[in-house]
């Protein structure tokens, strides 16, 4: 890809995200989302592979439909109330349309179908952007309008996302699809607590981005695409593969790793809100995710291929691991002792 075009796309991504999260007017928020959509499409389709072109087309159609719904929701609210302010969303139909629009943009169940396919058709670096940065503006809009949203609808969608993300991730062999369903499951955890503690949703999103970035950068360094290549990846950079196992377990929420912190706080908050059955349900559903994370960790570090593999075994190379990758991995594994400071902050 042309370096100038890549730079323009990345600057546009940052600009669109900044415009959306800092705006008070619905038109400005919509403009930022559109800039984001148009900026990421060249990055998805840069390989010119048919699967990449298909992923870019699916992403464009889905995001265009969601943006149309969001604009229609804000116009309906302005028609009935005269308010274009994001925090003044009061009309019931507008609230329902907005919930649908942002759910489509995020990939919440039942609007999740596009996300695994788009992530599978993208490169690992573009997939990292899709799983982290591109979810920040819709999440910010969800937090800004959380007081107006329907609690029953959000709770139902959150539990469905946690369940589907766990179930669908069980039978996947492609790593990017596994991470896509992992993202859907984590979105369920973020959504379920957004009405009661928006700061906790933001904290969960930050920690999710931290752990996902560490995993994507590790996979990009070792060129792991599926379970078959993961089984032989330990020959390339053994220490990095060992830390990949810990990062995967952290993303699963296994104590005493960093990923346990948001799930702990969310279950505590739901219990405070007298939603113990909901907390129990979503905690049990997280066991599904833990199973396929354990399978990935097992393939990454413990097993050798049980039969002859078609992949060339690449013995230790001199490939250096970049400092950002090691820093993100360290934070993804060892951030739990700082939880008292986070308790104070929230």
C-alpha atoms as a PDB file:
ATOM      1  CA  UNK A   1       0.000   0.000   0.000  1.00  0.00           C
ATOM      2  CA  UNK A   2       1.200   3.490  -0.843  1.00  0.00           C
ATOM      3  CA  UNK A   3       2.787   5.038   2.318  1.00  0.00           C
ATOM      4  CA  UNK A   4       1.016   8.358   1.713  1.00  0.00           C
ATOM      5  CA  UNK A   5      -2.354   6.620   1.379  1.00  0.00           C
ATOM      6  CA  UNK A   6      -1.692   4.591   4.527  1.00  0.00           C
ATOM      7  CA  UNK A   7      -0.750   7.749   6.449  1.00  0.00           C
ATOM      8  CA  UNK A   8      -3.918   9.535   5.275  1.00  0.00           C
ATOM      9  CA  UNK A   9      -6.044   6.543   6.354  1.00  0.00           C
ATOM     10  CA  UNK A  10      -4.453   6.381   9.811  1.00  0.00           C
ATOM     11  CA  UNK A  11      -4.769  10.162  10.351  1.00  0.00           C
ATOM     12  CA  UNK A  12      -8.422   9.974   9.225  1.00  0.00           C
ATOM     13  CA  UNK A  13      -9.048   7.142  11.707  1.00  0.00           C
ATOM     14  CA  UNK A  14      -7.677   9.216  14.568  1.00  0.00           C
ATOM     15  CA  UNK A  15      -9.582  12.297  13.373  1.00  0.00           C
ATOM     16  CA  UNK A  16     -12.903  10.447  13.058  1.00  0.00           C
ATOM     17  CA  UNK A  17     -12.518   8.883  16.494  1.00  0.00           C
ATOM     18  CA  UNK A  18     -11.644  12.248  18.070  1.00  0.00           C
ATOM     19  CA  UNK A  19     -14.589  14.015  16.407  1.00  0.00           C
ATOM     20  CA  UNK A  20     -17.082  11.377  17.581  1.00  0.00           C
ATOM     21  CA  UNK A  21     -15.964  11.098  21.200  1.00  0.00           C
ATOM     22  CA  UNK A  22     -15.665  14.879  21.679  1.00  0.00           C
ATOM     23  CA  UNK A  23     -18.905  15.996  20.007  1.00  0.00           C
ATOM     24  CA  UNK A  24     -22.164  17.040  21.643  1.00  0.00           C
ATOM     25  CA  UNK A  25     -24.169  17.286  18.400  1.00  0.00           C
ATOM     26  CA  UNK A  26     -25.523  14.210  16.635  1.00  0.00           C
ATOM     27  CA  UNK A  27     -24.447  15.426  13.191  1.00  0.00           C
ATOM     28  CA  UNK A  28     -20.827  15.782  14.308  1.00  0.00           C
ATOM     29  CA  UNK A  29     -20.885  12.323  15.907  1.00  0.00           C
ATOM     30  CA  UNK A  30     -22.303  10.871  12.688  1.00  0.00           C
ATOM     31  CA  UNK A  31     -19.629  12.676  10.646  1.00  0.00           C
ATOM     32  CA  UNK A  32     -16.867  11.184  12.798  1.00  0.00           C
ATOM     33  CA  UNK A  33     -18.298   7.682  12.386  1.00  0.00           C
ATOM     34  CA  UNK A  34     -18.452   8.116   8.596  1.00  0.00           C
ATOM     35  CA  UNK A  35     -14.845   9.327   8.460  1.00  0.00           C
ATOM     36  CA  UNK A  36     -13.838   6.240  10.442  1.00  0.00           C
ATOM     37  CA  UNK A  37     -15.714   3.903   8.091  1.00  0.00           C
ATOM     38  CA  UNK A  38     -14.235   5.418   4.938  1.00  0.00           C
ATOM     39  CA  UNK A  39     -10.710   5.437   6.428  1.00  0.00           C
ATOM     40  CA  UNK A  40     -10.619   1.765   7.432  1.00  0.00           C
ATOM     41  CA  UNK A  41     -11.925   0.355   4.107  1.00  0.00           C
ATOM     42  CA  UNK A  42      -8.633   0.889   2.167  1.00  0.00           C
ATOM     43  CA  UNK A  43      -6.750  -0.795   5.041  1.00  0.00           C
ATOM     44  CA  UNK A  44      -9.068  -3.837   4.909  1.00  0.00           C
ATOM     45  CA  UNK A  45      -8.832  -4.213   1.120  1.00  0.00           C
ATOM     46  CA  UNK A  46      -5.133  -3.347   0.684  1.00  0.00           C
ATOM     47  CA  UNK A  47      -4.096  -6.949  -0.094  1.00  0.00           C
ATOM     48  CA  UNK A  48      -6.446  -7.047  -3.158  1.00  0.00           C
ATOM     49  CA  UNK A  49      -7.328 -10.644  -2.276  1.00  0.00           C
ATOM     50  CA  UNK A  50     -10.955 -11.594  -3.076  1.00  0.00           C
ATOM     51  CA  UNK A  51     -11.589 -12.382   0.596  1.00  0.00           C
ATOM     52  CA  UNK A  52     -10.269  -8.943   1.591  1.00  0.00           C
ATOM     53  CA  UNK A  53     -12.463  -7.212  -1.004  1.00  0.00           C
ATOM     54  CA  UNK A  54     -15.451  -9.207   0.258  1.00  0.00           C
ATOM     55  CA  UNK A  55     -14.645  -8.223   3.850  1.00  0.00           C
ATOM     56  CA  UNK A  56     -14.364  -4.535   2.882  1.00  0.00           C
ATOM     57  CA  UNK A  57     -17.713  -4.698   1.043  1.00  0.00           C
ATOM     58  CA  UNK A  58     -19.452  -6.378   3.990  1.00  0.00           C
ATOM     59  CA  UNK A  59     -17.969  -3.841   6.388  1.00  0.00           C
ATOM     60  CA  UNK A  60     -19.057  -0.886   4.254  1.00  0.00           C
ATOM     61  CA  UNK A  61     -22.645  -2.118   3.797  1.00  0.00           C
ATOM     62  CA  UNK A  62     -23.055  -2.938   7.491  1.00  0.00           C
ATOM     63  CA  UNK A  63     -21.594   0.321   8.758  1.00  0.00           C
ATOM     64  CA  UNK A  64     -23.547   2.386   6.194  1.00  0.00           C
ATOM     65  CA  UNK A  65     -26.804   0.775   7.340  1.00  0.00           C
ATOM     66  CA  UNK A  66     -25.916   1.398  10.998  1.00  0.00           C
ATOM     67  CA  UNK A  67     -24.982   5.029  10.317  1.00  0.00           C
ATOM     68  CA  UNK A  68     -28.269   5.552   8.472  1.00  0.00           C
ATOM     69  CA  UNK A  69     -30.188   4.175  11.450  1.00  0.00           C
ATOM     70  CA  UNK A  70     -28.224   6.401  13.829  1.00  0.00           C
ATOM     71  CA  UNK A  71     -28.924   9.498  11.735  1.00  0.00           C
ATOM     72  CA  UNK A  72     -32.616   8.581  11.465  1.00  0.00           C
ATOM     73  CA  UNK A  73     -32.746   8.078  15.249  1.00  0.00           C
ATOM     74  CA  UNK A  74     -31.234  11.510  15.959  1.00  0.00           C
ATOM     75  CA  UNK A  75     -33.526  13.191  13.392  1.00  0.00           C
ATOM     76  CA  UNK A  76     -36.590  11.537  14.918  1.00  0.00           C
ATOM     77  CA  UNK A  77     -35.549  12.733  18.371  1.00  0.00           C
ATOM     78  CA  UNK A  78     -34.944  16.260  17.043  1.00  0.00           C
ATOM     79  CA  UNK A  79     -38.336  16.240  15.282  1.00  0.00           C
ATOM     80  CA  UNK A  80     -40.239  15.420  18.476  1.00  0.00           C
ATOM     81  CA  UNK A  81     -38.126  17.203  21.108  1.00  0.00           C
ATOM     82  CA  UNK A  82     -36.176  19.874  19.201  1.00  0.00           C
ATOM     83  CA  UNK A  83     -32.900  18.610  20.730  1.00  0.00           C
ATOM     84  CA  UNK A  84     -29.774  17.629  18.777  1.00  0.00           C
ATOM     85  CA  UNK A  85     -27.725  17.144  21.937  1.00  0.00           C
ATOM     86  CA  UNK A  86     -26.404  13.583  22.337  1.00  0.00           C
ATOM     87  CA  UNK A  87     -27.266  13.427  26.033  1.00  0.00           C
ATOM     88  CA  UNK A  88     -30.870  14.593  25.450  1.00  0.00           C
ATOM     89  CA  UNK A  89     -32.151  11.456  23.731  1.00  0.00           C
ATOM     90  CA  UNK A  90     -35.613  11.051  25.237  1.00  0.00           C
ATOM     91  CA  UNK A  91     -38.007   9.812  22.538  1.00  0.00           C
ATOM     92  CA  UNK A  92     -38.672   6.023  22.966  1.00  0.00           C
ATOM     93  CA  UNK A  93     -38.490   5.185  19.238  1.00  0.00           C
ATOM     94  CA  UNK A  94     -35.232   7.094  18.919  1.00  0.00           C
ATOM     95  CA  UNK A  95     -33.746   5.213  21.877  1.00  0.00           C
ATOM     96  CA  UNK A  96     -34.670   1.868  20.303  1.00  0.00           C
ATOM     97  CA  UNK A  97     -33.250   2.859  16.901  1.00  0.00           C
ATOM     98  CA  UNK A  98     -30.053   4.139  18.490  1.00  0.00           C
ATOM     99  CA  UNK A  99     -29.566   0.912  20.456  1.00  0.00           C
ATOM    100  CA  UNK A 100     -29.984  -1.051  17.220  1.00  0.00           C
ATOM    101  CA  UNK A 101     -27.602   1.211  15.273  1.00  0.00           C
ATOM    102  CA  UNK A 102     -24.786   1.080  17.839  1.00  0.00           C
ATOM    103  CA  UNK A 103     -25.281  -2.661  18.334  1.00  0.00           C
ATOM    104  CA  UNK A 104     -24.774  -3.156  14.592  1.00  0.00           C
ATOM    105  CA  UNK A 105     -21.653  -1.002  14.652  1.00  0.00           C
ATOM    106  CA  UNK A 106     -20.195  -2.891  17.613  1.00  0.00           C
ATOM    107  CA  UNK A 107     -21.272  -6.358  16.482  1.00  0.00           C
ATOM    108  CA  UNK A 108     -23.496  -7.190  19.448  1.00  0.00           C
ATOM    109  CA  UNK A 109     -25.806 -10.198  19.181  1.00  0.00           C
ATOM    110  CA  UNK A 110     -28.048 -10.501  17.125  1.00  0.00           C
ATOM    111  CA  UNK A 111     -26.198  -8.107  14.776  1.00  0.00           C
ATOM    112  CA  UNK A 112     -22.869  -9.907  15.012  1.00  0.00           C
ATOM    113  CA  UNK A 113     -22.770 -11.823  11.716  1.00  0.00           C
ATOM    114  CA  UNK A 114     -20.551  -9.389   9.832  1.00  0.00           C
ATOM    115  CA  UNK A 115     -17.738  -9.127  12.373  1.00  0.00           C
ATOM    116  CA  UNK A 116     -16.079 -12.609  12.234  1.00  0.00           C
ATOM    117  CA  UNK A 117     -16.161 -12.569   8.413  1.00  0.00           C
ATOM    118  CA  UNK A 118     -14.632  -9.103   8.174  1.00  0.00           C
ATOM    119  CA  UNK A 119     -11.931  -9.914  10.722  1.00  0.00           C
ATOM    120  CA  UNK A 120     -11.086 -13.164   8.922  1.00  0.00           C
ATOM    121  CA  UNK A 121     -10.674 -11.291   5.617  1.00  0.00           C
ATOM    122  CA  UNK A 122      -8.358  -8.653   7.105  1.00  0.00           C
ATOM    123  CA  UNK A 123      -4.688  -8.728   7.976  1.00  0.00           C
ATOM    124  CA  UNK A 124      -3.656  -8.994  11.629  1.00  0.00           C
ATOM    125  CA  UNK A 125      -2.779  -5.297  11.928  1.00  0.00           C
ATOM    126  CA  UNK A 126      -6.088  -4.221  10.373  1.00  0.00           C
ATOM    127  CA  UNK A 127      -7.877  -6.772  12.553  1.00  0.00           C
ATOM    128  CA  UNK A 128      -6.294  -5.134  15.587  1.00  0.00           C
ATOM    129  CA  UNK A 129      -7.753  -1.775  14.523  1.00  0.00           C
ATOM    130  CA  UNK A 130     -11.178  -3.338  13.900  1.00  0.00           C
ATOM    131  CA  UNK A 131     -11.224  -5.063  17.291  1.00  0.00           C
ATOM    132  CA  UNK A 132     -10.028  -2.073  19.340  1.00  0.00           C
ATOM    133  CA  UNK A 133      -9.938   1.450  17.872  1.00  0.00           C
ATOM    134  CA  UNK A 134     -13.023   1.084  15.669  1.00  0.00           C
ATOM    135  CA  UNK A 135     -15.131   0.042  18.663  1.00  0.00           C
ATOM    136  CA  UNK A 136     -14.215   3.097  20.730  1.00  0.00           C
ATOM    137  CA  UNK A 137     -16.545   5.717  19.091  1.00  0.00           C
ATOM    138  CA  UNK A 138     -19.708   3.535  19.272  1.00  0.00           C
ATOM    139  CA  UNK A 139     -18.850   2.587  22.857  1.00  0.00           C
ATOM    140  CA  UNK A 140     -18.454   6.293  23.711  1.00  0.00           C
ATOM    141  CA  UNK A 141     -21.886   7.017  22.212  1.00  0.00           C
ATOM    142  CA  UNK A 142     -23.360   4.135  24.221  1.00  0.00           C
ATOM    143  CA  UNK A 143     -21.889   5.602  27.423  1.00  0.00           C
ATOM    144  CA  UNK A 144     -23.124   9.137  26.626  1.00  0.00           C
ATOM    145  CA  UNK A 145     -26.689   7.919  26.021  1.00  0.00           C
ATOM    146  CA  UNK A 146     -26.729   5.134  28.633  1.00  0.00           C
ATOM    147  CA  UNK A 147     -29.261   6.880  30.867  1.00  0.00           C
ATOM    148  CA  UNK A 148     -31.841   6.809  28.034  1.00  0.00           C
ATOM    149  CA  UNK A 149     -31.483   3.185  26.972  1.00  0.00           C
ATOM    150  CA  UNK A 150     -33.759   0.242  27.768  1.00  0.00           C
ATOM    151  CA  UNK A 151     -32.247  -1.873  30.597  1.00  0.00           C
ATOM    152  CA  UNK A 152     -34.091  -5.093  29.702  1.00  0.00           C
ATOM    153  CA  UNK A 153     -33.073  -4.912  26.042  1.00  0.00           C
ATOM    154  CA  UNK A 154     -29.433  -4.206  26.864  1.00  0.00           C
ATOM    155  CA  UNK A 155     -29.238  -7.001  29.449  1.00  0.00           C
ATOM    156  CA  UNK A 156     -30.794  -9.492  27.017  1.00  0.00           C
ATOM    157  CA  UNK A 157     -28.377  -8.525  24.229  1.00  0.00           C
ATOM    158  CA  UNK A 158     -25.418  -8.660  26.626  1.00  0.00           C
ATOM    159  CA  UNK A 159     -26.223 -12.174  27.865  1.00  0.00           C
ATOM    160  CA  UNK A 160     -26.879 -13.343  24.288  1.00  0.00           C
ATOM    161  CA  UNK A 161     -23.518 -11.899  23.183  1.00  0.00           C
ATOM    162  CA  UNK A 162     -21.653 -13.610  26.025  1.00  0.00           C
ATOM    163  CA  UNK A 163     -23.380 -16.917  25.205  1.00  0.00           C
ATOM    164  CA  UNK A 164     -22.910 -16.740  21.450  1.00  0.00           C
ATOM    165  CA  UNK A 165     -19.303 -15.554  21.684  1.00  0.00           C
ATOM    166  CA  UNK A 166     -18.516 -18.579  23.828  1.00  0.00           C
ATOM    167  CA  UNK A 167     -20.476 -21.148  21.823  1.00  0.00           C
ATOM    168  CA  UNK A 168     -19.320 -20.051  18.371  1.00  0.00           C
ATOM    169  CA  UNK A 169     -15.688 -19.798  19.422  1.00  0.00           C
ATOM    170  CA  UNK A 170     -15.595 -23.461  20.424  1.00  0.00           C
ATOM    171  CA  UNK A 171     -15.425 -24.958  16.922  1.00  0.00           C
ATOM    172  CA  UNK A 172     -13.141 -22.432  15.218  1.00  0.00           C
ATOM    173  CA  UNK A 173      -9.666 -23.247  13.943  1.00  0.00           C
ATOM    174  CA  UNK A 174      -8.854 -19.804  12.507  1.00  0.00           C
ATOM    175  CA  UNK A 175      -7.293 -17.570  15.165  1.00  0.00           C
ATOM    176  CA  UNK A 176      -8.850 -14.362  13.838  1.00  0.00           C
ATOM    177  CA  UNK A 177     -12.352 -15.848  14.038  1.00  0.00           C
ATOM    178  CA  UNK A 178     -11.674 -17.014  17.588  1.00  0.00           C
ATOM    179  CA  UNK A 179     -10.623 -13.461  18.505  1.00  0.00           C
ATOM    180  CA  UNK A 180     -13.725 -12.090  16.759  1.00  0.00           C
ATOM    181  CA  UNK A 181     -16.055 -14.227  18.881  1.00  0.00           C
ATOM    182  CA  UNK A 182     -13.948 -13.332  21.916  1.00  0.00           C
ATOM    183  CA  UNK A 183     -14.614  -9.674  21.109  1.00  0.00           C
ATOM    184  CA  UNK A 184     -18.372 -10.332  20.891  1.00  0.00           C
ATOM    185  CA  UNK A 185     -18.271 -12.055  24.279  1.00  0.00           C
ATOM    186  CA  UNK A 186     -16.361  -9.171  25.883  1.00  0.00           C
ATOM    187  CA  UNK A 187     -18.822  -6.681  24.383  1.00  0.00           C
ATOM    188  CA  UNK A 188     -21.535  -8.536  26.284  1.00  0.00           C
ATOM    189  CA  UNK A 189     -19.643  -7.964  29.549  1.00  0.00           C
ATOM    190  CA  UNK A 190     -19.215  -4.260  28.749  1.00  0.00           C
ATOM    191  CA  UNK A 191     -22.851  -3.758  27.772  1.00  0.00           C
ATOM    192  CA  UNK A 192     -24.388  -5.467  30.787  1.00  0.00           C
ATOM    193  CA  UNK A 193     -22.963  -2.940  33.249  1.00  0.00           C
ATOM    194  CA  UNK A 194     -23.135   0.218  31.119  1.00  0.00           C
ATOM    195  CA  UNK A 195     -26.388   1.454  32.708  1.00  0.00           C
ATOM    196  CA  UNK A 196     -25.169   1.069  36.275  1.00  0.00           C
ATOM    197  CA  UNK A 197     -21.493   2.044  36.093  1.00  0.00           C
ATOM    198  CA  UNK A 198     -20.326   3.578  32.772  1.00  0.00           C
ATOM    199  CA  UNK A 199     -16.815   4.110  34.181  1.00  0.00           C
ATOM    200  CA  UNK A 200     -16.534   0.367  34.710  1.00  0.00           C
ATOM    201  CA  UNK A 201     -17.532  -0.214  31.076  1.00  0.00           C
ATOM    202  CA  UNK A 202     -14.750   2.138  29.997  1.00  0.00           C
ATOM    203  CA  UNK A 203     -12.238   0.385  32.258  1.00  0.00           C
ATOM    204  CA  UNK A 204     -13.276  -3.002  30.828  1.00  0.00           C
ATOM    205  CA  UNK A 205     -12.868  -1.652  27.295  1.00  0.00           C
ATOM    206  CA  UNK A 206      -9.393  -0.279  28.037  1.00  0.00           C
ATOM    207  CA  UNK A 207      -8.202  -3.566  29.541  1.00  0.00           C
ATOM    208  CA  UNK A 208      -9.748  -5.519  26.668  1.00  0.00           C
ATOM    209  CA  UNK A 209      -7.888  -3.314  24.154  1.00  0.00           C
ATOM    210  CA  UNK A 210      -4.651  -3.819  26.105  1.00  0.00           C
ATOM    211  CA  UNK A 211      -4.884  -7.621  26.098  1.00  0.00           C
ATOM    212  CA  UNK A 212      -6.147  -7.872  22.510  1.00  0.00           C
ATOM    213  CA  UNK A 213      -3.358  -5.612  21.257  1.00  0.00           C
ATOM    214  CA  UNK A 214      -0.767  -7.815  22.985  1.00  0.00           C
ATOM    215  CA  UNK A 215      -2.242 -10.943  21.364  1.00  0.00           C
ATOM    216  CA  UNK A 216      -2.513  -9.456  17.862  1.00  0.00           C
ATOM    217  CA  UNK A 217       1.043  -8.083  17.962  1.00  0.00           C
ATOM    218  CA  UNK A 218       2.360 -11.454  19.165  1.00  0.00           C
ATOM    219  CA  UNK A 219       0.492 -13.280  16.393  1.00  0.00           C
ATOM    220  CA  UNK A 220       1.815 -10.781  13.853  1.00  0.00           C
ATOM    221  CA  UNK A 221       5.396 -11.344  15.044  1.00  0.00           C
ATOM    222  CA  UNK A 222       5.158 -15.132  14.923  1.00  0.00           C
ATOM    223  CA  UNK A 223       2.888 -15.213  11.795  1.00  0.00           C
ATOM    224  CA  UNK A 224       0.299 -17.473  13.451  1.00  0.00           C
ATOM    225  CA  UNK A 225      -2.979 -17.712  11.498  1.00  0.00           C
ATOM    226  CA  UNK A 226      -4.603 -20.962  12.641  1.00  0.00           C
ATOM    227  CA  UNK A 227      -4.234 -23.805  15.119  1.00  0.00           C
ATOM    228  CA  UNK A 228      -1.963 -25.786  12.787  1.00  0.00           C
ATOM    229  CA  UNK A 229       0.631 -22.996  12.571  1.00  0.00           C
ATOM    230  CA  UNK A 230       0.225 -22.298  16.279  1.00  0.00           C
ATOM    231  CA  UNK A 231       1.351 -25.837  17.077  1.00  0.00           C
ATOM    232  CA  UNK A 232       4.721 -25.237  15.390  1.00  0.00           C
ATOM    233  CA  UNK A 233       5.155 -21.582  16.379  1.00  0.00           C
ATOM    234  CA  UNK A 234       7.066 -22.418  19.569  1.00  0.00           C
ATOM    235  CA  UNK A 235      10.141 -23.134  17.430  1.00  0.00           C
ATOM    236  CA  UNK A 236      10.384 -19.504  16.305  1.00  0.00           C
ATOM    237  CA  UNK A 237      10.501 -17.439  19.495  1.00  0.00           C
ATOM    238  CA  UNK A 238       9.892 -19.749  22.507  1.00  0.00           C
ATOM    239  CA  UNK A 239       9.692 -17.000  25.196  1.00  0.00           C
ATOM    240  CA  UNK A 240       7.121 -15.042  23.180  1.00  0.00           C
ATOM    241  CA  UNK A 241       4.994 -18.151  22.670  1.00  0.00           C
ATOM    242  CA  UNK A 242       5.087 -18.854  26.405  1.00  0.00           C
ATOM    243  CA  UNK A 243       3.888 -15.332  27.206  1.00  0.00           C
ATOM    244  CA  UNK A 244       1.196 -15.715  24.524  1.00  0.00           C
ATOM    245  CA  UNK A 245      -0.274 -18.525  26.630  1.00  0.00           C
ATOM    246  CA  UNK A 246      -0.436 -16.247  29.688  1.00  0.00           C
ATOM    247  CA  UNK A 247      -1.973 -13.408  27.647  1.00  0.00           C
ATOM    248  CA  UNK A 248      -4.668 -15.752  26.302  1.00  0.00           C
ATOM    249  CA  UNK A 249      -5.482 -16.909  29.829  1.00  0.00           C
ATOM    250  CA  UNK A 250      -5.601 -13.278  30.932  1.00  0.00           C
ATOM    251  CA  UNK A 251      -8.110 -12.505  28.153  1.00  0.00           C
ATOM    252  CA  UNK A 252     -10.135 -15.464  29.428  1.00  0.00           C
ATOM    253  CA  UNK A 253     -10.347 -13.779  32.841  1.00  0.00           C
ATOM    254  CA  UNK A 254      -8.359 -16.319  34.812  1.00  0.00           C
ATOM    255  CA  UNK A 255      -7.025 -15.070  38.167  1.00  0.00           C
ATOM    256  CA  UNK A 256      -4.481 -13.800  39.127  1.00  0.00           C
ATOM    257  CA  UNK A 257      -3.997 -12.213  35.673  1.00  0.00           C
ATOM    258  CA  UNK A 258      -5.127  -8.782  34.501  1.00  0.00           C
ATOM    259  CA  UNK A 259      -8.250 -10.014  32.678  1.00  0.00           C
ATOM    260  CA  UNK A 260      -9.792 -11.189  35.949  1.00  0.00           C
ATOM    261  CA  UNK A 261     -10.113  -7.597  37.209  1.00  0.00           C
ATOM    262  CA  UNK A 262     -12.968  -6.318  34.940  1.00  0.00           C
ATOM    263  CA  UNK A 263     -15.016  -9.503  35.379  1.00  0.00           C
ATOM    264  CA  UNK A 264     -14.563  -9.333  39.132  1.00  0.00           C
ATOM    265  CA  UNK A 265     -15.698  -5.691  39.260  1.00  0.00           C
ATOM    266  CA  UNK A 266     -18.644  -6.289  36.898  1.00  0.00           C
ATOM    267  CA  UNK A 267     -19.950  -9.242  38.938  1.00  0.00           C
ATOM    268  CA  UNK A 268     -19.549  -7.150  42.108  1.00  0.00           C
ATOM    269  CA  UNK A 269     -21.488  -4.247  40.541  1.00  0.00           C
ATOM    270  CA  UNK A 270     -24.301  -6.513  39.318  1.00  0.00           C
ATOM    271  CA  UNK A 271     -24.574  -8.021  42.795  1.00  0.00           C
ATOM    272  CA  UNK A 272     -24.832  -4.518  44.294  1.00  0.00           C
ATOM    273  CA  UNK A 273     -27.691  -3.787  41.865  1.00  0.00           C
ATOM    274  CA  UNK A 274     -29.501  -6.926  43.149  1.00  0.00           C
ATOM    275  CA  UNK A 275     -29.012  -8.697  39.804  1.00  0.00           C
ATOM    276  CA  UNK A 276     -27.468 -11.865  41.239  1.00  0.00           C
ATOM    277  CA  UNK A 277     -29.164 -14.249  38.705  1.00  0.00           C
ATOM    278  CA  UNK A 278     -27.810 -12.154  35.806  1.00  0.00           C
ATOM    279  CA  UNK A 279     -24.331 -12.103  37.363  1.00  0.00           C
ATOM    280  CA  UNK A 280     -24.426 -15.873  37.863  1.00  0.00           C
ATOM    281  CA  UNK A 281     -25.571 -16.467  34.274  1.00  0.00           C
ATOM    282  CA  UNK A 282     -22.888 -14.347  32.639  1.00  0.00           C
ATOM    283  CA  UNK A 283     -20.201 -15.788  34.926  1.00  0.00           C
ATOM    284  CA  UNK A 284     -21.168 -19.316  33.892  1.00  0.00           C
ATOM    285  CA  UNK A 285     -21.202 -18.313  30.223  1.00  0.00           C
ATOM    286  CA  UNK A 286     -17.625 -17.063  30.539  1.00  0.00           C
ATOM    287  CA  UNK A 287     -16.594 -20.692  31.126  1.00  0.00           C
ATOM    288  CA  UNK A 288     -17.296 -21.363  27.449  1.00  0.00           C
ATOM    289  CA  UNK A 289     -14.754 -18.730  26.493  1.00  0.00           C
ATOM    290  CA  UNK A 290     -12.283 -20.107  29.008  1.00  0.00           C
ATOM    291  CA  UNK A 291     -12.480 -23.491  27.283  1.00  0.00           C
ATOM    292  CA  UNK A 292     -11.391 -22.267  23.840  1.00  0.00           C
ATOM    293  CA  UNK A 293      -8.748 -19.966  25.334  1.00  0.00           C
ATOM    294  CA  UNK A 294      -7.344 -22.987  27.167  1.00  0.00           C
ATOM    295  CA  UNK A 295      -7.348 -24.894  23.886  1.00  0.00           C
ATOM    296  CA  UNK A 296      -5.372 -22.094  22.198  1.00  0.00           C
ATOM    297  CA  UNK A 297      -2.933 -21.933  25.110  1.00  0.00           C
ATOM    298  CA  UNK A 298      -2.553 -25.722  25.016  1.00  0.00           C
ATOM    299  CA  UNK A 299      -1.799 -25.655  21.275  1.00  0.00           C
ATOM    300  CA  UNK A 300       0.598 -22.731  21.666  1.00  0.00           C
ATOM    301  CA  UNK A 301       2.912 -24.100  24.309  1.00  0.00           C
ATOM    302  CA  UNK A 302       2.227 -27.634  25.466  1.00  0.00           C
ATOM    303  CA  UNK A 303       1.550 -29.873  22.485  1.00  0.00           C
ATOM    304  CA  UNK A 304       3.364 -30.895  19.358  1.00  0.00           C
ATOM    305  CA  UNK A 305       1.375 -31.819  16.219  1.00  0.00           C
ATOM    306  CA  UNK A 306       0.009 -35.355  16.700  1.00  0.00           C
ATOM    307  CA  UNK A 307       0.630 -36.184  13.024  1.00  0.00           C
ATOM    308  CA  UNK A 308       2.764 -35.005  10.145  1.00  0.00           C
ATOM    309  CA  UNK A 309       2.113 -31.328   9.450  1.00  0.00           C
ATOM    310  CA  UNK A 310       2.179 -29.649   6.037  1.00  0.00           C
ATOM    311  CA  UNK A 311       3.791 -26.567   7.555  1.00  0.00           C
ATOM    312  CA  UNK A 312       7.538 -26.136   7.467  1.00  0.00           C
ATOM    313  CA  UNK A 313       8.965 -26.178  10.971  1.00  0.00           C
ATOM    314  CA  UNK A 314      10.844 -22.920  11.292  1.00  0.00           C
ATOM    315  CA  UNK A 315      13.539 -23.289  13.885  1.00  0.00           C
ATOM    316  CA  UNK A 316      14.687 -20.412  16.012  1.00  0.00           C
ATOM    317  CA  UNK A 317      15.076 -17.202  14.070  1.00  0.00           C
ATOM    318  CA  UNK A 318      16.779 -13.946  14.902  1.00  0.00           C
ATOM    319  CA  UNK A 319      13.568 -11.981  14.675  1.00  0.00           C
ATOM    320  CA  UNK A 320      13.581  -9.368  17.424  1.00  0.00           C
ATOM    321  CA  UNK A 321      10.502  -8.634  19.513  1.00  0.00           C
ATOM    322  CA  UNK A 322       9.613  -4.953  19.604  1.00  0.00           C
ATOM    323  CA  UNK A 323       9.432  -3.087  22.894  1.00  0.00           C
ATOM    324  CA  UNK A 324       5.706  -2.130  22.587  1.00  0.00           C
ATOM    325  CA  UNK A 325       4.810  -5.811  22.266  1.00  0.00           C
ATOM    326  CA  UNK A 326       6.721  -6.819  25.377  1.00  0.00           C
ATOM    327  CA  UNK A 327       5.298  -3.855  27.320  1.00  0.00           C
ATOM    328  CA  UNK A 328       1.712  -4.722  26.369  1.00  0.00           C
ATOM    329  CA  UNK A 329       2.263  -8.381  27.250  1.00  0.00           C
ATOM    330  CA  UNK A 330       3.660  -7.429  30.669  1.00  0.00           C
ATOM    331  CA  UNK A 331       0.684  -5.170  31.406  1.00  0.00           C
ATOM    332  CA  UNK A 332      -1.746  -7.822  30.141  1.00  0.00           C
ATOM    333  CA  UNK A 333      -0.388 -10.320  32.645  1.00  0.00           C
ATOM    334  CA  UNK A 334       0.638  -8.358  35.748  1.00  0.00           C
ATOM    335  CA  UNK A 335      -1.787  -5.443  36.163  1.00  0.00           C
ATOM    336  CA  UNK A 336      -4.009  -7.070  38.809  1.00  0.00           C
ATOM    337  CA  UNK A 337      -1.883  -5.900  41.813  1.00  0.00           C
ATOM    338  CA  UNK A 338      -2.775  -2.306  40.843  1.00  0.00           C
ATOM    339  CA  UNK A 339      -6.466  -3.004  41.408  1.00  0.00           C
ATOM    340  CA  UNK A 340      -6.618  -1.012  44.705  1.00  0.00           C
ATOM    341  CA  UNK A 341      -5.651   2.124  42.750  1.00  0.00           C
ATOM    342  CA  UNK A 342      -8.360   1.356  40.168  1.00  0.00           C
ATOM    343  CA  UNK A 343     -10.904   0.818  42.966  1.00  0.00           C
ATOM    344  CA  UNK A 344     -10.060   4.288  44.250  1.00  0.00           C
ATOM    345  CA  UNK A 345     -10.327   5.818  40.788  1.00  0.00           C
ATOM    346  CA  UNK A 346     -13.727   4.294  40.075  1.00  0.00           C
END
